[in-house]
Amino acid sequence: MLQYLHFKALVFLLLFPVALNAADKDYSSNQNKVISCRSSHIPVQYKKYCVLPWEMQHFPEFANGYKKITLPGKDYRWLQTLNVVGDTNSFYLTKDNHYLIIISGCKIRACDENAIRLVFDPRSHEVFGLLEEPKQKQFLGNPPPAIQSILVIPIYNLIHNH
């Protein structure tokens, strides 16, 4: 029994630093680009964007850019209002240490068929998106290739792995 406890203590001591490092990641590496709002690495001026997707409409710098890319029509009312099921926004850290806001959600009562992913640049106030509908994916706002690569990160990864 004593040997078993020594073994458990040894395993704990070996793994504990790994757990500590995982909680305080170095976000300058290319492997850790998606950052949670719960992270202490978010600059103070961007903390205000740690809100739910529909609350982004309260920021004129976002709302004005978002209006330019939304689709007209009653079928897209959920997009126009961002009335979606979603978690608190995330951040994406670019190679040049620039923060982008990632907004993700899906249509209420149709999450398995309709989803939206947005990238908002708080410096330029540009908004780009990816709309996923049954049998169709559509980029919104003509995103450049670098932004497209962020938009195609699976929503599950954005919500659960940051």
Foldseek 3Di string as FASTA:
>chain_A
DVVVVVVVVVVCVVCVVVVVCVLQDDCLDPVNFKAALPHPPDDPVCNVQQDAQLVVCVDVLQVVQQVQFQDDDPVRPCSNRVVFDFHGWIWGQDNVRAIWIWHKGAHVPQRVAWIKIWIARPVVSHIKMWIGGVVDIDITPPDDPVVVVVRPPDPCCNRPVD
